[in-house]
Amino acid sequence: MVFELFFFDKESFENNLRNIELLLGEKNNIFLNFILCFFTGYFEEVLFRGYLYYLVLILSKSLFFGNILSIILISLIFGFLHITQGKIGIIASSIISIIFFISIVISNTIWYAIIFHFIFNFVELSFIFPYQKRMEKKSAHIV
């Protein structure tokens, strides 16, 4: 969603904003955001860059080819599961997924990806969305 804001995909951004408001309500609850973002980041990382990554790696047999295939395949799946964020959200999520994989390969731990995923989601949900809502309300009053 951050990428939608920066790349001016206003329709997708507004759509996601409405969906989040339906899920969480209009008030910004930092504690709820913290819990939600931590568990979302944790479970998505364990599922995609933990379980599914090793499953595809095992099924592909060859370690080098399997590693590249796993990263690409899982990143594309991860991106497409963010389809509600529009085309830019799909592309951005796929790229971020690859970055998370690189952090795992370099550090040999999934925890950096979990922490970064949590921080990314938390900043977006707790600060960017509320800011965007305020800007939309101000622009609605001007028009």
N, C-alpha and C. Protein backbone atom coordinates (compact mmCIF):
# COMPACT_ATOMS: atom_id res chain seq x y z
N MET A 1 0.81 -1.19 0.00
CA MET A 1 0.00 0.00 0.00
C MET A 1 0.85 1.25 0.00
N VAL A 2 2.01 1.20 0.61
CA VAL A 2 2.90 2.35 0.60
C VAL A 2 3.27 2.68 -0.84
N PHE A 3 3.52 1.65 -1.63
CA PHE A 3 3.91 1.86 -3.02
C PHE A 3 2.78 2.49 -3.82
N GLU A 4 1.56 2.15 -3.50
CA GLU A 4 0.42 2.76 -4.19
C GLU A 4 0.38 4.25 -3.92
N LEU A 5 0.71 4.63 -2.70
CA LEU A 5 0.72 6.04 -2.35
C LEU A 5 1.81 6.77 -3.13
N PHE A 6 3.00 6.16 -3.19
CA PHE A 6 4.12 6.81 -3.88
C PHE A 6 3.97 6.80 -5.39
N PHE A 7 3.35 5.77 -5.93
CA PHE A 7 3.21 5.67 -7.38
C PHE A 7 1.83 6.11 -7.86
N PHE A 8 1.08 6.74 -6.98
CA PHE A 8 -0.18 7.39 -7.32
C PHE A 8 -1.25 6.45 -7.86
N ASP A 9 -1.32 5.26 -7.32
CA ASP A 9 -2.41 4.35 -7.66
C ASP A 9 -3.52 4.63 -6.65
N LYS A 10 -4.13 5.79 -6.81
CA LYS A 10 -5.07 6.30 -5.81
C LYS A 10 -6.28 5.39 -5.62
N GLU A 11 -6.78 4.83 -6.70
CA GLU A 11 -7.97 3.98 -6.61
C GLU A 11 -7.70 2.75 -5.74
N SER A 12 -6.59 2.07 -5.97
CA SER A 12 -6.25 0.89 -5.16
C SER A 12 -6.01 1.29 -3.71
N PHE A 13 -5.33 2.42 -3.51
CA PHE A 13 -5.05 2.87 -2.16
C PHE A 13 -6.35 3.15 -1.40
N GLU A 14 -7.27 3.86 -2.03
CA GLU A 14 -8.55 4.17 -1.38
C GLU A 14 -9.36 2.91 -1.11
N ASN A 15 -9.30 1.96 -2.02
CA ASN A 15 -9.99 0.69 -1.85
C ASN A 15 -9.44 -0.04 -0.62
N ASN A 16 -8.12 -0.10 -0.50
CA ASN A 16 -7.51 -0.75 0.65
C ASN A 16 -7.81 -0.01 1.94
N LEU A 17 -7.82 1.29 1.87
CA LEU A 17 -8.13 2.08 3.05
C LEU A 17 -9.54 1.75 3.56
N ARG A 18 -10.49 1.64 2.65
CA ARG A 18 -11.87 1.27 3.04
C ARG A 18 -11.90 -0.14 3.64
N ASN A 19 -11.17 -1.07 3.04
CA ASN A 19 -11.14 -2.44 3.57
C ASN A 19 -10.55 -2.48 4.97
N ILE A 20 -9.51 -1.74 5.20
CA ILE A 20 -8.89 -1.72 6.52
C ILE A 20 -9.82 -1.07 7.54
N GLU A 21 -10.50 -0.01 7.14
CA GLU A 21 -11.46 0.62 8.05
C GLU A 21 -12.60 -0.34 8.39
N LEU A 22 -13.03 -1.14 7.43
CA LEU A 22 -14.08 -2.14 7.71
C LEU A 22 -13.58 -3.17 8.71
N LEU A 23 -12.32 -3.55 8.59
CA LEU A 23 -11.74 -4.56 9.46
C LEU A 23 -11.44 -4.01 10.85
N LEU A 24 -10.82 -2.84 10.92
CA LEU A 24 -10.32 -2.31 12.19
C LEU A 24 -11.14 -1.17 12.77
N GLY A 25 -12.07 -0.64 12.00
CA GLY A 25 -12.81 0.53 12.45
C GLY A 25 -12.08 1.81 12.05
N GLU A 26 -12.69 2.92 12.34
CA GLU A 26 -12.11 4.20 11.92
C GLU A 26 -11.06 4.73 12.88
N LYS A 27 -11.10 4.30 14.13
CA LYS A 27 -10.11 4.78 15.10
C LYS A 27 -8.80 4.02 14.92
N ASN A 28 -7.71 4.73 15.12
CA ASN A 28 -6.39 4.13 15.00
C ASN A 28 -5.96 3.61 16.37
N ASN A 29 -6.01 2.30 16.57
CA ASN A 29 -5.65 1.67 17.83
C ASN A 29 -4.24 1.09 17.68
N ILE A 30 -3.25 1.78 18.23
CA ILE A 30 -1.85 1.38 18.08
C ILE A 30 -1.60 -0.02 18.64
N PHE A 31 -2.19 -0.35 19.78
CA PHE A 31 -1.99 -1.67 20.37
C PHE A 31 -2.53 -2.77 19.45
N LEU A 32 -3.74 -2.58 18.94
CA LEU A 32 -4.33 -3.55 18.02
C LEU A 32 -3.49 -3.66 16.75
N ASN A 33 -3.03 -2.53 16.24
CA ASN A 33 -2.16 -2.53 15.05
C ASN A 33 -0.88 -3.32 15.32
N PHE A 34 -0.30 -3.12 16.51
CA PHE A 34 0.93 -3.81 16.88
C PHE A 34 0.72 -5.33 16.86
N ILE A 35 -0.33 -5.78 17.53
CA ILE A 35 -0.62 -7.22 17.61
C ILE A 35 -0.91 -7.78 16.22
N LEU A 36 -1.78 -7.11 15.49
CA LEU A 36 -2.16 -7.56 14.15
C LEU A 36 -0.95 -7.63 13.22
N CYS A 37 -0.14 -6.59 13.22
CA CYS A 37 1.02 -6.55 12.32
C CYS A 37 2.08 -7.56 12.71
N PHE A 38 2.28 -7.77 14.02
CA PHE A 38 3.26 -8.76 14.43
C PHE A 38 2.85 -10.15 13.95
N PHE A 39 1.61 -10.53 14.25
CA PHE A 39 1.18 -11.88 13.88
C PHE A 39 1.06 -12.05 12.37
N THR A 40 0.65 -11.01 11.66
CA THR A 40 0.59 -11.09 10.20
C THR A 40 1.99 -11.31 9.65
N GLY A 41 2.94 -10.48 10.09
CA GLY A 41 4.32 -10.63 9.63
C GLY A 41 4.89 -11.99 9.99
N TYR A 42 4.66 -12.42 11.22
CA TYR A 42 5.18 -13.70 11.67
C TYR A 42 4.62 -14.86 10.84
N PHE A 43 3.31 -14.94 10.73
CA PHE A 43 2.71 -16.08 10.05
C PHE A 43 2.96 -16.06 8.54
N GLU A 44 2.95 -14.88 7.92
CA GLU A 44 3.24 -14.83 6.49
C GLU A 44 4.68 -15.25 6.22
N GLU A 45 5.61 -14.81 7.05
CA GLU A 45 7.01 -15.20 6.85
C GLU A 45 7.21 -16.69 7.08
N VAL A 46 6.64 -17.21 8.15
CA VAL A 46 6.79 -18.65 8.43
C VAL A 46 6.16 -19.47 7.31
N LEU A 47 5.00 -19.05 6.83
CA LEU A 47 4.33 -19.79 5.76
C LEU A 47 5.09 -19.68 4.44
N PHE A 48 5.37 -18.45 4.00
CA PHE A 48 5.94 -18.27 2.66
C PHE A 48 7.44 -18.52 2.61
N ARG A 49 8.19 -17.90 3.52
CA ARG A 49 9.64 -18.03 3.45
C ARG A 49 10.18 -19.11 4.37
N GLY A 50 9.29 -19.78 5.04
CA GLY A 50 9.66 -20.93 5.84
C GLY A 50 9.16 -22.20 5.17
N TYR A 51 7.93 -22.55 5.45
CA TYR A 51 7.35 -23.81 5.00
C TYR A 51 7.32 -23.96 3.47
N LEU A 52 6.68 -23.04 2.76
CA LEU A 52 6.54 -23.18 1.30
C LEU A 52 7.89 -23.14 0.59
N TYR A 53 8.80 -22.32 1.07
CA TYR A 53 10.13 -22.23 0.48
C TYR A 53 10.82 -23.60 0.52
N TYR A 54 10.83 -24.22 1.69
CA TYR A 54 11.50 -25.51 1.81
C TYR A 54 10.74 -26.62 1.09
N LEU A 55 9.44 -26.52 1.03
CA LEU A 55 8.65 -27.51 0.29
C LEU A 55 9.02 -27.48 -1.20
N VAL A 56 9.04 -26.29 -1.79
CA VAL A 56 9.41 -26.17 -3.21
C VAL A 56 10.87 -26.57 -3.40
N LEU A 57 11.72 -26.22 -2.47
CA LEU A 57 13.14 -26.58 -2.54
C LEU A 57 13.31 -28.10 -2.55
N ILE A 58 12.60 -28.79 -1.69
CA ILE A 58 12.69 -30.25 -1.63
C ILE A 58 12.12 -30.87 -2.90
N LEU A 59 10.99 -30.35 -3.37
CA LEU A 59 10.37 -30.90 -4.57
C LEU A 59 11.20 -30.68 -5.82
N SER A 60 12.00 -29.62 -5.85
CA SER A 60 12.79 -29.32 -7.05
C SER A 60 14.11 -30.08 -7.08
N LYS A 61 14.51 -30.71 -6.01
CA LYS A 61 15.68 -31.57 -5.88
C LYS A 61 17.02 -30.82 -5.95
N SER A 62 17.29 -30.08 -7.01
CA SER A 62 18.57 -29.40 -7.19
C SER A 62 18.64 -28.19 -6.26
N LEU A 63 19.67 -28.10 -5.45
CA LEU A 63 19.77 -27.04 -4.46
C LEU A 63 19.84 -25.66 -5.11
N PHE A 64 20.74 -25.45 -6.08
CA PHE A 64 20.87 -24.13 -6.69
C PHE A 64 19.62 -23.77 -7.48
N PHE A 65 19.23 -24.64 -8.39
CA PHE A 65 18.04 -24.37 -9.20
C PHE A 65 16.81 -24.29 -8.31
N GLY A 66 16.76 -25.17 -7.32
CA GLY A 66 15.62 -25.18 -6.41
C GLY A 66 15.53 -23.91 -5.59
N ASN A 67 16.68 -23.39 -5.18
CA ASN A 67 16.71 -22.17 -4.40
C ASN A 67 16.16 -21.00 -5.21
N ILE A 68 16.65 -20.83 -6.42
CA ILE A 68 16.18 -19.74 -7.28
C ILE A 68 14.71 -19.94 -7.63
N LEU A 69 14.35 -21.16 -8.01
CA LEU A 69 12.96 -21.46 -8.35
C LEU A 69 12.03 -21.19 -7.17
N SER A 70 12.45 -21.62 -6.00
CA SER A 70 11.64 -21.41 -4.79
C SER A 70 11.43 -19.93 -4.52
N ILE A 71 12.50 -19.16 -4.59
CA ILE A 71 12.41 -17.73 -4.31
C ILE A 71 11.48 -17.04 -5.30
N ILE A 72 11.64 -17.34 -6.58
CA ILE A 72 10.81 -16.70 -7.61
C ILE A 72 9.35 -17.14 -7.47
N LEU A 73 9.12 -18.43 -7.36
CA LEU A 73 7.75 -18.95 -7.27
C LEU A 73 7.02 -18.43 -6.03
N ILE A 74 7.66 -18.52 -4.88
CA ILE A 74 7.03 -18.08 -3.64
C ILE A 74 6.81 -16.56 -3.65
N SER A 75 7.74 -15.81 -4.22
CA SER A 75 7.58 -14.36 -4.30
C SER A 75 6.42 -13.97 -5.21
N LEU A 76 6.25 -14.69 -6.31
CA LEU A 76 5.11 -14.42 -7.20
C LEU A 76 3.78 -14.75 -6.51
N ILE A 77 3.75 -15.87 -5.82
CA ILE A 77 2.53 -16.24 -5.08
C ILE A 77 2.23 -15.19 -4.01
N PHE A 78 3.26 -14.80 -3.27
CA PHE A 78 3.11 -13.77 -2.24
C PHE A 78 2.57 -12.47 -2.85
N GLY A 79 3.12 -12.09 -3.99
CA GLY A 79 2.67 -10.88 -4.67
C GLY A 79 1.21 -10.98 -5.10
N PHE A 80 0.85 -12.10 -5.72
CA PHE A 80 -0.53 -12.25 -6.20
C PHE A 80 -1.55 -12.33 -5.07
N LEU A 81 -1.13 -12.75 -3.91
CA LEU A 81 -2.05 -12.76 -2.77
C LEU A 81 -2.32 -11.34 -2.25
N HIS A 82 -1.57 -10.37 -2.75
CA HIS A 82 -1.80 -8.96 -2.42
C HIS A 82 -2.54 -8.26 -3.56
N ILE A 83 -3.33 -9.01 -4.30
CA ILE A 83 -4.03 -8.50 -5.48
C ILE A 83 -4.99 -7.36 -5.15
N THR A 84 -5.49 -7.34 -3.93
CA THR A 84 -6.41 -6.25 -3.56
C THR A 84 -5.71 -4.90 -3.57
N GLN A 85 -4.39 -4.91 -3.59
CA GLN A 85 -3.62 -3.67 -3.61
C GLN A 85 -3.36 -3.18 -5.03
N GLY A 86 -3.92 -3.87 -6.02
CA GLY A 86 -3.74 -3.45 -7.40
C GLY A 86 -2.44 -3.97 -8.00
N LYS A 87 -2.19 -3.59 -9.26
CA LYS A 87 -0.99 -4.08 -9.96
C LYS A 87 0.29 -3.68 -9.26
N ILE A 88 0.34 -2.44 -8.81
CA ILE A 88 1.55 -1.97 -8.14
C ILE A 88 1.76 -2.74 -6.84
N GLY A 89 0.69 -3.04 -6.13
CA GLY A 89 0.80 -3.82 -4.90
C GLY A 89 1.33 -5.22 -5.15
N ILE A 90 0.90 -5.83 -6.25
CA ILE A 90 1.39 -7.17 -6.61
C ILE A 90 2.88 -7.11 -6.90
N ILE A 91 3.28 -6.16 -7.73
CA ILE A 91 4.70 -6.04 -8.10
C ILE A 91 5.54 -5.70 -6.87
N ALA A 92 5.09 -4.73 -6.09
CA ALA A 92 5.84 -4.32 -4.90
C ALA A 92 5.95 -5.46 -3.89
N SER A 93 4.88 -6.19 -3.67
CA SER A 93 4.91 -7.31 -2.72
C SER A 93 5.84 -8.41 -3.20
N SER A 94 5.87 -8.65 -4.50
CA SER A 94 6.79 -9.66 -5.05
C SER A 94 8.24 -9.24 -4.85
N ILE A 95 8.53 -7.97 -5.10
CA ILE A 95 9.89 -7.46 -4.92
C ILE A 95 10.29 -7.50 -3.45
N ILE A 96 9.39 -7.08 -2.58
CA ILE A 96 9.68 -7.12 -1.15
C ILE A 96 9.91 -8.55 -0.70
N SER A 97 9.16 -9.49 -1.25
CA SER A 97 9.35 -10.90 -0.93
C SER A 97 10.76 -11.36 -1.28
N ILE A 98 11.24 -10.94 -2.44
CA ILE A 98 12.61 -11.30 -2.85
C ILE A 98 13.62 -10.69 -1.87
N ILE A 99 13.38 -9.45 -1.46
CA ILE A 99 14.27 -8.80 -0.49
C ILE A 99 14.27 -9.57 0.83
N PHE A 100 13.09 -10.01 1.27
CA PHE A 100 13.01 -10.82 2.49
C PHE A 100 13.81 -12.11 2.33
N PHE A 101 13.70 -12.74 1.16
CA PHE A 101 14.47 -13.96 0.91
C PHE A 101 15.97 -13.69 0.96
N ILE A 102 16.40 -12.59 0.38
CA ILE A 102 17.82 -12.24 0.41
C ILE A 102 18.29 -12.08 1.85
N SER A 103 17.48 -11.44 2.68
CA SER A 103 17.86 -11.29 4.09
C SER A 103 17.98 -12.65 4.78
N ILE A 104 17.13 -13.58 4.41
CA ILE A 104 17.18 -14.92 5.00
C ILE A 104 18.43 -15.66 4.54
N VAL A 105 18.74 -15.57 3.25
CA VAL A 105 19.93 -16.25 2.72
C VAL A 105 21.20 -15.68 3.34
N ILE A 106 21.28 -14.35 3.46
CA ILE A 106 22.48 -13.71 4.01
C ILE A 106 22.62 -13.99 5.50
N SER A 107 21.54 -13.86 6.25
CA SER A 107 21.62 -13.98 7.71
C SER A 107 21.43 -15.40 8.22
N ASN A 108 20.89 -16.27 7.38
CA ASN A 108 20.61 -17.65 7.75
C ASN A 108 19.58 -17.75 8.89
N THR A 109 18.69 -16.76 8.95
CA THR A 109 17.59 -16.77 9.92
C THR A 109 16.38 -16.07 9.31
N ILE A 110 15.22 -16.48 9.72
CA ILE A 110 13.98 -15.88 9.21
C ILE A 110 13.56 -14.67 10.04
N TRP A 111 14.20 -14.47 11.19
CA TRP A 111 13.76 -13.43 12.12
C TRP A 111 13.89 -12.02 11.58
N TYR A 112 14.92 -11.74 10.79
CA TYR A 112 15.05 -10.39 10.21
C TYR A 112 13.89 -10.10 9.27
N ALA A 113 13.49 -11.09 8.50
CA ALA A 113 12.35 -10.92 7.59
C ALA A 113 11.07 -10.70 8.38
N ILE A 114 10.90 -11.45 9.46
CA ILE A 114 9.70 -11.29 10.30
C ILE A 114 9.66 -9.88 10.89
N ILE A 115 10.78 -9.43 11.42
CA ILE A 115 10.84 -8.11 12.05
C ILE A 115 10.61 -7.01 11.02
N PHE A 116 11.25 -7.11 9.86
CA PHE A 116 11.07 -6.09 8.83
C PHE A 116 9.63 -6.08 8.34
N HIS A 117 9.05 -7.26 8.15
CA HIS A 117 7.65 -7.37 7.70
C HIS A 117 6.73 -6.70 8.72
N PHE A 118 6.96 -6.99 9.99
CA PHE A 118 6.16 -6.38 11.05
C PHE A 118 6.29 -4.86 11.03
N ILE A 119 7.53 -4.36 10.98
CA ILE A 119 7.75 -2.90 10.99
C ILE A 119 7.10 -2.25 9.78
N PHE A 120 7.27 -2.84 8.62
CA PHE A 120 6.69 -2.31 7.39
C PHE A 120 5.17 -2.19 7.52
N ASN A 121 4.53 -3.28 7.94
CA ASN A 121 3.07 -3.27 8.09
C ASN A 121 2.61 -2.30 9.19
N PHE A 122 3.35 -2.28 10.29
CA PHE A 122 2.97 -1.43 11.42
C PHE A 122 3.05 0.05 11.06
N VAL A 123 4.12 0.45 10.41
CA VAL A 123 4.26 1.85 9.99
C VAL A 123 3.15 2.22 9.02
N GLU A 124 2.88 1.33 8.09
CA GLU A 124 1.84 1.57 7.10
C GLU A 124 0.47 1.72 7.77
N LEU A 125 0.14 0.79 8.63
CA LEU A 125 -1.19 0.76 9.26
C LEU A 125 -1.36 1.84 10.32
N SER A 126 -0.31 2.13 11.06
CA SER A 126 -0.43 3.06 12.19
C SER A 126 -0.17 4.52 11.82
N PHE A 127 0.61 4.76 10.77
CA PHE A 127 0.99 6.13 10.47
C PHE A 127 0.59 6.58 9.06
N ILE A 128 0.83 5.76 8.06
CA ILE A 128 0.54 6.17 6.68
C ILE A 128 -0.96 6.22 6.43
N PHE A 129 -1.70 5.19 6.82
CA PHE A 129 -3.15 5.20 6.61
C PHE A 129 -3.83 6.37 7.33
N PRO A 130 -3.55 6.56 8.62
CA PRO A 130 -4.19 7.70 9.29
C PRO A 130 -3.83 9.04 8.64
N TYR A 131 -2.59 9.19 8.22
CA TYR A 131 -2.18 10.43 7.54
C TYR A 131 -2.96 10.60 6.25
N GLN A 132 -3.07 9.52 5.48
CA GLN A 132 -3.80 9.58 4.22
C GLN A 132 -5.28 9.92 4.46
N LYS A 133 -5.86 9.35 5.50
CA LYS A 133 -7.26 9.66 5.83
C LYS A 133 -7.43 11.14 6.15
N ARG A 134 -6.50 11.68 6.94
CA ARG A 134 -6.58 13.11 7.27
C ARG A 134 -6.46 13.97 6.03
N MET A 135 -5.57 13.60 5.12
CA MET A 135 -5.38 14.37 3.89
C MET A 135 -6.64 14.31 3.01
N GLU A 136 -7.28 13.14 2.96
CA GLU A 136 -8.51 13.01 2.18
C GLU A 136 -9.64 13.85 2.77
N LYS A 137 -9.73 13.88 4.10
CA LYS A 137 -10.77 14.69 4.74
C LYS A 137 -10.53 16.17 4.49
N LYS A 138 -9.26 16.59 4.54
CA LYS A 138 -8.94 17.99 4.27
C LYS A 138 -9.27 18.36 2.83
N SER A 139 -8.92 17.48 1.90
CA SER A 139 -9.19 17.78 0.49
C SER A 139 -10.69 17.74 0.20
N ALA A 140 -11.45 16.94 0.95
CA ALA A 140 -12.90 16.89 0.76
C ALA A 140 -13.54 18.20 1.23
N HIS A 141 -12.97 18.80 2.27
CA HIS A 141 -13.50 20.07 2.76
C HIS A 141 -13.17 21.22 1.82
N ILE A 142 -12.07 21.12 1.12
CA ILE A 142 -11.66 22.17 0.18
C ILE A 142 -12.55 22.18 -1.04
N VAL A 143 -12.92 20.98 -1.51
CA VAL A 143 -13.75 20.87 -2.72
C VAL A 143 -15.14 21.21 -2.43
